Amino acid sequence: MKSAIYELIASRRSIRRFSGEPVAEEFVQMMIEAGTWAPSGLNNQPWKFAVIRDSALKEELAGLTHYSDIVHSCDFLIAVFLDAEASYDRTKDIMAIGACIQNMLLYCHSAGLGAVWLGEILKKKDRVRELLSGSEAFELMAVVAAGHPAESKGNASRRPVSEMVFFQK
């Protein structure tokens, strides 16, 4: 039985080209708020965010990834960090941040905007933290690029659940 949330999850796609049309600041704040509703162990909420809209700073960040075209075309970036000072279990906290990012992506999609989770930039995570004046306690987990989509993504497929479940009793 498929629900509205299932349909939202199944229809979300990574958007890698953006129109350049500005996104309202209130949307950016709501996107972050949606992320903060992710579950976290002991409700420690181990995430910190940096919002990047400045074109010169985006240019510097673009130089740190092979996906510079995405960084150039998006309206804004949100860098998501693990705050070691709020952390109590690294594995659980990293999973919580993954859930946080998924909430952000789903909110974006539900609002008719597009986003993509950038991970390759993690190879330069210390430089990203320095550029964003982040605390030494902050470890970059991902950068999310977002904005009005300049492309539409079609259907995607997934392997059947029967291929994924290896045990059921």
N, C-alpha and C. Protein backbone atom coordinates (compact mmCIF):
# COMPACT_ATOMS: atom_id res chain seq x y z
N MET A 1 0.85 -1.17 0.00
CA MET A 1 0.00 0.00 0.00
C MET A 1 0.90 1.24 0.00
N LYS A 2 0.78 2.04 -1.04
CA LYS A 2 1.63 3.21 -1.21
C LYS A 2 0.94 4.44 -0.64
N SER A 3 1.72 5.25 0.05
CA SER A 3 1.20 6.47 0.67
C SER A 3 1.84 7.68 0.00
N ALA A 4 1.39 8.86 0.40
CA ALA A 4 1.95 10.10 -0.16
C ALA A 4 3.43 10.21 0.15
N ILE A 5 3.85 9.84 1.35
CA ILE A 5 5.27 9.94 1.70
C ILE A 5 6.08 8.94 0.89
N TYR A 6 5.53 7.75 0.65
CA TYR A 6 6.22 6.77 -0.19
C TYR A 6 6.42 7.34 -1.59
N GLU A 7 5.39 7.93 -2.15
CA GLU A 7 5.47 8.52 -3.49
C GLU A 7 6.52 9.63 -3.53
N LEU A 8 6.58 10.45 -2.48
CA LEU A 8 7.58 11.52 -2.41
C LEU A 8 8.99 10.92 -2.39
N ILE A 9 9.19 9.90 -1.56
CA ILE A 9 10.50 9.25 -1.47
C ILE A 9 10.89 8.64 -2.82
N ALA A 10 9.96 7.93 -3.44
CA ALA A 10 10.26 7.21 -4.68
C ALA A 10 10.44 8.15 -5.88
N SER A 11 9.90 9.36 -5.80
CA SER A 11 10.01 10.28 -6.94
C SER A 11 11.17 11.27 -6.82
N ARG A 12 11.83 11.33 -5.67
CA ARG A 12 12.95 12.26 -5.50
C ARG A 12 14.13 11.82 -6.35
N ARG A 13 14.77 12.77 -7.00
CA ARG A 13 15.97 12.51 -7.80
C ARG A 13 17.02 13.56 -7.48
N SER A 14 18.26 13.22 -7.66
CA SER A 14 19.34 14.19 -7.51
C SER A 14 19.32 15.13 -8.71
N ILE A 15 19.30 16.42 -8.41
CA ILE A 15 19.30 17.45 -9.45
C ILE A 15 20.69 18.08 -9.46
N ARG A 16 21.28 18.12 -10.64
CA ARG A 16 22.66 18.59 -10.77
C ARG A 16 22.80 19.85 -11.62
N ARG A 17 21.70 20.34 -12.16
CA ARG A 17 21.73 21.59 -12.93
C ARG A 17 20.59 22.48 -12.43
N PHE A 18 20.92 23.74 -12.21
CA PHE A 18 19.97 24.67 -11.62
C PHE A 18 19.79 25.89 -12.52
N SER A 19 18.65 26.53 -12.39
CA SER A 19 18.27 27.63 -13.27
C SER A 19 18.95 28.95 -12.94
N GLY A 20 19.41 29.10 -11.71
CA GLY A 20 19.99 30.37 -11.29
C GLY A 20 18.97 31.29 -10.64
N GLU A 21 17.70 30.94 -10.72
CA GLU A 21 16.65 31.74 -10.07
C GLU A 21 16.85 31.67 -8.55
N PRO A 22 16.81 32.83 -7.88
CA PRO A 22 17.03 32.82 -6.42
C PRO A 22 15.93 32.08 -5.66
N VAL A 23 16.33 31.50 -4.56
CA VAL A 23 15.42 30.80 -3.66
C VAL A 23 15.26 31.69 -2.42
N ALA A 24 14.03 31.83 -1.95
CA ALA A 24 13.75 32.67 -0.78
C ALA A 24 14.50 32.15 0.45
N GLU A 25 14.98 33.07 1.26
CA GLU A 25 15.72 32.72 2.48
C GLU A 25 14.87 31.85 3.41
N GLU A 26 13.58 32.11 3.48
CA GLU A 26 12.73 31.31 4.38
C GLU A 26 12.74 29.84 3.98
N PHE A 27 12.87 29.56 2.67
CA PHE A 27 12.96 28.18 2.24
C PHE A 27 14.24 27.54 2.77
N VAL A 28 15.34 28.26 2.70
CA VAL A 28 16.63 27.73 3.18
C VAL A 28 16.51 27.38 4.66
N GLN A 29 15.90 28.27 5.43
CA GLN A 29 15.74 28.03 6.86
C GLN A 29 14.84 26.82 7.12
N MET A 30 13.76 26.68 6.33
CA MET A 30 12.86 25.53 6.49
C MET A 30 13.55 24.22 6.11
N MET A 31 14.42 24.29 5.11
CA MET A 31 15.16 23.11 4.69
C MET A 31 16.05 22.62 5.84
N ILE A 32 16.73 23.56 6.48
CA ILE A 32 17.57 23.19 7.62
C ILE A 32 16.72 22.68 8.77
N GLU A 33 15.61 23.36 9.04
CA GLU A 33 14.72 22.91 10.12
C GLU A 33 14.22 21.49 9.86
N ALA A 34 13.86 21.19 8.61
CA ALA A 34 13.44 19.82 8.26
C ALA A 34 14.55 18.83 8.60
N GLY A 35 15.78 19.21 8.32
CA GLY A 35 16.90 18.34 8.65
C GLY A 35 17.02 18.08 10.14
N THR A 36 16.76 19.10 10.94
CA THR A 36 16.92 18.95 12.39
C THR A 36 15.87 18.06 13.03
N TRP A 37 14.81 17.72 12.28
CA TRP A 37 13.80 16.80 12.81
C TRP A 37 14.18 15.34 12.61
N ALA A 38 15.37 15.09 12.08
CA ALA A 38 15.84 13.71 11.94
C ALA A 38 16.07 13.12 13.33
N PRO A 39 15.92 11.81 13.45
CA PRO A 39 16.21 11.18 14.74
C PRO A 39 17.71 11.20 15.03
N SER A 40 18.04 11.33 16.30
CA SER A 40 19.45 11.23 16.72
C SER A 40 19.47 10.56 18.09
N GLY A 41 20.52 9.79 18.31
CA GLY A 41 20.65 9.08 19.58
C GLY A 41 20.67 10.05 20.75
N LEU A 42 19.88 9.76 21.77
CA LEU A 42 19.75 10.62 22.96
C LEU A 42 19.29 12.03 22.59
N ASN A 43 18.76 12.20 21.38
CA ASN A 43 18.34 13.52 20.87
C ASN A 43 19.50 14.52 20.96
N ASN A 44 20.71 14.05 20.70
CA ASN A 44 21.88 14.94 20.81
C ASN A 44 22.01 15.92 19.65
N GLN A 45 21.31 15.67 18.54
CA GLN A 45 21.32 16.58 17.39
C GLN A 45 22.76 17.02 17.06
N PRO A 46 23.57 16.09 16.56
CA PRO A 46 25.01 16.32 16.41
C PRO A 46 25.43 17.13 15.19
N TRP A 47 24.52 17.83 14.57
CA TRP A 47 24.79 18.52 13.31
C TRP A 47 25.01 20.01 13.49
N LYS A 48 25.79 20.56 12.60
CA LYS A 48 25.98 22.00 12.45
C LYS A 48 25.93 22.28 10.95
N PHE A 49 25.48 23.46 10.59
CA PHE A 49 25.28 23.81 9.19
C PHE A 49 25.98 25.11 8.85
N ALA A 50 26.43 25.21 7.63
CA ALA A 50 26.93 26.47 7.08
C ALA A 50 26.19 26.68 5.76
N VAL A 51 25.59 27.85 5.60
CA VAL A 51 24.86 28.19 4.38
C VAL A 51 25.74 29.10 3.55
N ILE A 52 25.92 28.74 2.29
CA ILE A 52 26.82 29.48 1.40
C ILE A 52 26.03 29.98 0.19
N ARG A 53 25.96 31.30 0.07
CA ARG A 53 25.33 31.92 -1.09
C ARG A 53 26.30 32.87 -1.80
N ASP A 54 27.31 33.29 -1.10
CA ASP A 54 28.29 34.25 -1.63
C ASP A 54 29.01 33.66 -2.84
N SER A 55 28.99 34.40 -3.95
CA SER A 55 29.56 33.86 -5.19
C SER A 55 31.07 33.64 -5.10
N ALA A 56 31.79 34.50 -4.42
CA ALA A 56 33.24 34.31 -4.31
C ALA A 56 33.55 33.06 -3.48
N LEU A 57 32.80 32.85 -2.42
CA LEU A 57 33.02 31.67 -1.59
C LEU A 57 32.60 30.40 -2.34
N LYS A 58 31.50 30.47 -3.08
CA LYS A 58 31.10 29.32 -3.90
C LYS A 58 32.19 29.00 -4.91
N GLU A 59 32.82 30.02 -5.48
CA GLU A 59 33.90 29.80 -6.45
C GLU A 59 35.07 29.06 -5.78
N GLU A 60 35.42 29.45 -4.56
CA GLU A 60 36.50 28.75 -3.86
C GLU A 60 36.13 27.30 -3.58
N LEU A 61 34.88 27.07 -3.17
CA LEU A 61 34.43 25.71 -2.90
C LEU A 61 34.38 24.88 -4.18
N ALA A 62 33.99 25.50 -5.28
CA ALA A 62 33.94 24.81 -6.57
C ALA A 62 35.32 24.27 -6.95
N GLY A 63 36.37 24.99 -6.56
CA GLY A 63 37.73 24.56 -6.85
C GLY A 63 38.17 23.36 -6.04
N LEU A 64 37.34 22.94 -5.08
CA LEU A 64 37.70 21.81 -4.21
C LEU A 64 37.00 20.52 -4.60
N THR A 65 36.27 20.53 -5.72
CA THR A 65 35.53 19.34 -6.13
C THR A 65 35.54 19.19 -7.65
N HIS A 66 35.41 17.94 -8.08
CA HIS A 66 35.28 17.67 -9.52
C HIS A 66 33.90 18.11 -10.03
N TYR A 67 32.99 18.39 -9.12
CA TYR A 67 31.62 18.75 -9.49
C TYR A 67 31.41 20.26 -9.42
N SER A 68 32.38 21.00 -9.90
CA SER A 68 32.33 22.46 -9.84
C SER A 68 31.14 23.03 -10.61
N ASP A 69 30.71 22.39 -11.69
CA ASP A 69 29.55 22.88 -12.45
C ASP A 69 28.30 22.92 -11.58
N ILE A 70 28.13 21.94 -10.72
CA ILE A 70 26.98 21.92 -9.81
C ILE A 70 27.08 23.09 -8.84
N VAL A 71 28.25 23.28 -8.27
CA VAL A 71 28.46 24.37 -7.30
C VAL A 71 28.22 25.72 -7.97
N HIS A 72 28.67 25.89 -9.19
CA HIS A 72 28.48 27.16 -9.90
C HIS A 72 27.01 27.43 -10.19
N SER A 73 26.24 26.41 -10.53
CA SER A 73 24.86 26.65 -10.98
C SER A 73 23.83 26.70 -9.86
N CYS A 74 24.13 26.14 -8.70
CA CYS A 74 23.13 26.12 -7.62
C CYS A 74 22.96 27.52 -7.03
N ASP A 75 21.81 27.74 -6.40
CA ASP A 75 21.58 29.03 -5.74
C ASP A 75 22.31 29.09 -4.41
N PHE A 76 22.33 27.98 -3.69
CA PHE A 76 23.00 27.97 -2.39
C PHE A 76 23.51 26.56 -2.09
N LEU A 77 24.43 26.52 -1.15
CA LEU A 77 24.99 25.28 -0.64
C LEU A 77 24.76 25.23 0.86
N ILE A 78 24.54 24.04 1.37
CA ILE A 78 24.52 23.84 2.82
C ILE A 78 25.56 22.79 3.14
N ALA A 79 26.57 23.19 3.88
CA ALA A 79 27.59 22.26 4.35
C ALA A 79 27.09 21.69 5.68
N VAL A 80 27.13 20.37 5.79
CA VAL A 80 26.63 19.69 6.99
C VAL A 80 27.81 19.07 7.71
N PHE A 81 27.94 19.42 8.97
CA PHE A 81 29.06 18.99 9.79
C PHE A 81 28.60 18.14 10.97
N LEU A 82 29.45 17.21 11.37
CA LEU A 82 29.30 16.50 12.64
C LEU A 82 30.02 17.33 13.69
N ASP A 83 29.32 17.68 14.75
CA ASP A 83 29.90 18.44 15.86
C ASP A 83 30.41 17.44 16.90
N ALA A 84 31.72 17.25 16.97
CA ALA A 84 32.31 16.27 17.88
C ALA A 84 31.96 16.57 19.34
N GLU A 85 31.75 17.82 19.66
CA GLU A 85 31.41 18.18 21.04
C GLU A 85 29.99 17.74 21.41
N ALA A 86 29.12 17.54 20.43
CA ALA A 86 27.75 17.08 20.68
C ALA A 86 27.64 15.57 20.51
N SER A 87 28.70 14.95 20.01
CA SER A 87 28.67 13.53 19.67
C SER A 87 28.81 12.66 20.91
N TYR A 88 28.07 11.55 20.91
CA TYR A 88 28.27 10.58 21.98
C TYR A 88 28.61 9.19 21.42
N ASP A 89 28.26 8.93 20.17
CA ASP A 89 28.60 7.68 19.51
C ASP A 89 28.77 7.99 18.03
N ARG A 90 29.99 7.96 17.55
CA ARG A 90 30.30 8.41 16.20
C ARG A 90 29.45 7.71 15.13
N THR A 91 29.34 6.39 15.22
CA THR A 91 28.57 5.66 14.21
C THR A 91 27.11 6.10 14.21
N LYS A 92 26.50 6.17 15.38
CA LYS A 92 25.10 6.59 15.46
C LYS A 92 24.93 8.03 14.98
N ASP A 93 25.89 8.88 15.33
CA ASP A 93 25.79 10.29 14.95
C ASP A 93 25.94 10.48 13.45
N ILE A 94 26.79 9.71 12.82
CA ILE A 94 26.93 9.79 11.36
C ILE A 94 25.64 9.32 10.69
N MET A 95 25.03 8.26 11.23
CA MET A 95 23.75 7.81 10.68
C MET A 95 22.68 8.89 10.87
N ALA A 96 22.69 9.56 12.01
CA ALA A 96 21.72 10.64 12.25
C ALA A 96 21.90 11.77 11.24
N ILE A 97 23.14 12.07 10.93
CA ILE A 97 23.40 13.13 9.94
C ILE A 97 22.93 12.69 8.56
N GLY A 98 23.08 11.41 8.23
CA GLY A 98 22.53 10.92 6.97
C GLY A 98 21.02 11.10 6.92
N ALA A 99 20.34 10.81 8.02
CA ALA A 99 18.89 11.01 8.09
C ALA A 99 18.54 12.49 7.98
N CYS A 100 19.35 13.33 8.60
CA CYS A 100 19.16 14.79 8.52
C CYS A 100 19.24 15.26 7.07
N ILE A 101 20.25 14.79 6.36
CA ILE A 101 20.42 15.19 4.96
C ILE A 101 19.26 14.66 4.11
N GLN A 102 18.83 13.44 4.35
CA GLN A 102 17.70 12.89 3.61
C GLN A 102 16.45 13.74 3.86
N ASN A 103 16.21 14.16 5.09
CA ASN A 103 15.07 15.04 5.37
C ASN A 103 15.17 16.33 4.56
N MET A 104 16.37 16.89 4.49
CA MET A 104 16.58 18.13 3.74
C MET A 104 16.27 17.91 2.25
N LEU A 105 16.75 16.80 1.70
CA LEU A 105 16.52 16.50 0.29
C LEU A 105 15.03 16.29 0.00
N LEU A 106 14.35 15.60 0.90
CA LEU A 106 12.92 15.35 0.71
C LEU A 106 12.12 16.65 0.83
N TYR A 107 12.50 17.51 1.78
CA TYR A 107 11.81 18.79 1.89
C TYR A 107 11.98 19.60 0.61
N CYS A 108 13.18 19.62 0.12
CA CYS A 108 13.49 20.33 -1.13
C CYS A 108 12.58 19.82 -2.25
N HIS A 109 12.53 18.53 -2.41
CA HIS A 109 11.72 17.91 -3.46
C HIS A 109 10.24 18.25 -3.27
N SER A 110 9.76 18.20 -2.02
CA SER A 110 8.35 18.47 -1.76
C SER A 110 7.97 19.91 -2.10
N ALA A 111 8.95 20.81 -2.07
CA ALA A 111 8.71 22.23 -2.36
C ALA A 111 8.92 22.54 -3.85
N GLY A 112 9.20 21.53 -4.65
CA GLY A 112 9.38 21.74 -6.09
C GLY A 112 10.76 22.23 -6.47
N LEU A 113 11.69 22.17 -5.55
CA LEU A 113 13.06 22.57 -5.83
C LEU A 113 13.91 21.33 -6.01
N GLY A 114 15.16 21.54 -6.32
CA GLY A 114 16.05 20.42 -6.55
C GLY A 114 17.27 20.50 -5.67
N ALA A 115 17.87 19.35 -5.43
CA ALA A 115 19.08 19.31 -4.60
C ALA A 115 19.87 18.05 -4.93
N VAL A 116 21.14 18.11 -4.57
CA VAL A 116 22.00 16.94 -4.71
C VAL A 116 22.98 16.92 -3.55
N TRP A 117 23.26 15.74 -3.08
CA TRP A 117 24.17 15.48 -1.97
C TRP A 117 25.56 15.30 -2.57
N LEU A 118 26.49 16.19 -2.25
CA LEU A 118 27.85 16.11 -2.76
C LEU A 118 28.75 15.46 -1.71
N GLY A 119 29.39 14.40 -2.08
CA GLY A 119 30.27 13.70 -1.15
C GLY A 119 31.74 13.76 -1.54
N GLU A 120 32.03 13.91 -2.81
CA GLU A 120 33.41 13.89 -3.29
C GLU A 120 34.23 15.02 -2.67
N ILE A 121 33.57 16.12 -2.30
CA ILE A 121 34.26 17.27 -1.69
C ILE A 121 34.85 16.91 -0.32
N LEU A 122 34.43 15.78 0.24
CA LEU A 122 34.98 15.35 1.53
C LEU A 122 36.49 15.12 1.48
N LYS A 123 37.01 14.89 0.28
CA LYS A 123 38.46 14.73 0.14
C LYS A 123 39.20 15.99 0.56
N LYS A 124 38.51 17.11 0.57
CA LYS A 124 39.09 18.40 0.96
C LYS A 124 38.35 18.98 2.17
N LYS A 125 37.86 18.11 3.06
CA LYS A 125 36.99 18.56 4.15
C LYS A 125 37.66 19.54 5.10
N ASP A 126 38.94 19.40 5.34
CA ASP A 126 39.61 20.35 6.23
C ASP A 126 39.66 21.75 5.62
N ARG A 127 39.91 21.81 4.33
CA ARG A 127 39.94 23.12 3.64
C ARG A 127 38.55 23.75 3.62
N VAL A 128 37.51 22.94 3.42
CA VAL A 128 36.14 23.46 3.45
C VAL A 128 35.86 24.06 4.83
N ARG A 129 36.19 23.33 5.88
CA ARG A 129 35.96 23.82 7.25
C ARG A 129 36.70 25.14 7.47
N GLU A 130 37.93 25.23 7.00
CA GLU A 130 38.70 26.48 7.15
C GLU A 130 38.03 27.63 6.42
N LEU A 131 37.61 27.40 5.18
CA LEU A 131 36.96 28.46 4.40
C LEU A 131 35.69 28.96 5.07
N LEU A 132 35.01 28.07 5.80
CA LEU A 132 33.74 28.42 6.44
C LEU A 132 33.91 28.82 7.89
N SER A 133 35.17 28.96 8.32
CA SER A 133 35.49 29.36 9.70
C SER A 133 34.85 28.43 10.72
N GLY A 134 34.84 27.15 10.41
CA GLY A 134 34.26 26.17 11.32
C GLY A 134 35.21 25.81 12.44
N SER A 135 34.64 25.43 13.55
CA SER A 135 35.39 24.99 14.72
C SER A 135 36.19 23.73 14.38
N GLU A 136 37.28 23.52 15.07
CA GLU A 136 38.07 22.28 14.92
C GLU A 136 37.22 21.06 15.29
N ALA A 137 36.16 21.27 16.06
CA ALA A 137 35.29 20.17 16.47
C ALA A 137 34.32 19.75 15.37
N PHE A 138 34.27 20.50 14.27
CA PHE A 138 33.34 20.21 13.19
C PHE A 138 34.02 19.38 12.11
N GLU A 139 33.38 18.27 11.73
CA GLU A 139 33.88 17.43 10.66
C GLU A 139 32.85 17.44 9.53
N LEU A 140 33.28 17.83 8.35
CA LEU A 140 32.37 17.87 7.21
C LEU A 140 31.87 16.48 6.86
N MET A 141 30.54 16.36 6.72
CA MET A 141 29.90 15.10 6.35
C MET A 141 29.40 15.14 4.91
N ALA A 142 28.99 16.30 4.43
CA ALA A 142 28.49 16.44 3.06
C ALA A 142 28.23 17.91 2.77
N VAL A 143 28.07 18.21 1.51
CA VAL A 143 27.60 19.52 1.07
C VAL A 143 26.39 19.25 0.19
N VAL A 144 25.30 19.98 0.47
CA VAL A 144 24.08 19.85 -0.32
C VAL A 144 23.98 21.10 -1.19
N ALA A 145 23.88 20.89 -2.50
CA ALA A 145 23.66 21.99 -3.45
C ALA A 145 22.18 22.01 -3.77
N ALA A 146 21.59 23.21 -3.79
CA ALA A 146 20.14 23.30 -4.01
C ALA A 146 19.77 24.54 -4.80
N GLY A 147 18.58 24.48 -5.37
CA GLY A 147 18.05 25.61 -6.11
C GLY A 147 16.89 25.19 -6.98
N HIS A 148 16.48 26.08 -7.86
CA HIS A 148 15.41 25.75 -8.82
C HIS A 148 16.01 24.87 -9.90
N PRO A 149 15.39 23.72 -10.17
CA PRO A 149 15.97 22.80 -11.16
C PRO A 149 15.93 23.34 -12.58
N ALA A 150 16.99 23.06 -13.33
CA ALA A 150 17.05 23.38 -14.75
C ALA A 150 16.98 22.09 -15.56
N GLU A 151 16.63 21.01 -14.89
CA GLU A 151 16.49 19.71 -15.54
C GLU A 151 15.40 18.96 -14.80
N SER A 152 14.81 18.02 -15.48
CA SER A 152 13.87 17.14 -14.80
C SER A 152 14.39 15.72 -14.97
N LYS A 153 14.33 15.01 -13.92
CA LYS A 153 14.83 13.64 -13.94
C LYS A 153 13.66 12.69 -14.12
N GLY A 154 13.85 11.72 -14.94
CA GLY A 154 12.82 10.72 -15.20
C GLY A 154 12.78 9.66 -14.13
N ASN A 155 12.23 8.55 -14.50
CA ASN A 155 12.10 7.44 -13.57
C ASN A 155 13.45 6.80 -13.33
N ALA A 156 13.58 6.27 -12.14
CA ALA A 156 14.76 5.49 -11.78
C ALA A 156 14.26 4.11 -11.39
N SER A 157 15.15 3.18 -11.29
CA SER A 157 14.73 1.85 -10.89
C SER A 157 15.53 1.40 -9.68
N ARG A 158 14.99 0.47 -8.99
CA ARG A 158 15.66 -0.15 -7.85
C ARG A 158 15.55 -1.65 -8.03
N ARG A 159 16.53 -2.35 -7.54
CA ARG A 159 16.45 -3.81 -7.57
C ARG A 159 15.29 -4.24 -6.67
N PRO A 160 14.68 -5.36 -6.97
CA PRO A 160 13.54 -5.81 -6.16
C PRO A 160 13.95 -6.09 -4.71
N VAL A 161 13.03 -5.87 -3.82
CA VAL A 161 13.27 -6.12 -2.40
C VAL A 161 13.70 -7.57 -2.19
N SER A 162 13.16 -8.47 -2.97
CA SER A 162 13.51 -9.89 -2.83
C SER A 162 15.01 -10.14 -3.03
N GLU A 163 15.68 -9.27 -3.79
CA GLU A 163 17.13 -9.40 -3.99
C GLU A 163 17.91 -8.79 -2.83
N MET A 164 17.28 -7.96 -2.05
CA MET A 164 17.97 -7.25 -0.98
C MET A 164 17.87 -7.95 0.38
N VAL A 165 16.78 -8.62 0.59
CA VAL A 165 16.56 -9.29 1.89
C VAL A 165 17.27 -10.63 1.86
N PHE A 166 18.23 -10.81 2.75
CA PHE A 166 18.97 -12.07 2.75
C PHE A 166 18.50 -13.02 3.86
N PHE A 167 17.69 -12.50 4.79
CA PHE A 167 17.18 -13.36 5.86
C PHE A 167 15.82 -12.85 6.29
N GLN A 168 14.90 -13.78 6.49
CA GLN A 168 13.59 -13.43 7.01
C GLN A 168 13.02 -14.68 7.66
N LYS A 169 12.65 -14.57 8.92
CA LYS A 169 12.13 -15.74 9.63
C LYS A 169 10.90 -15.36 10.42
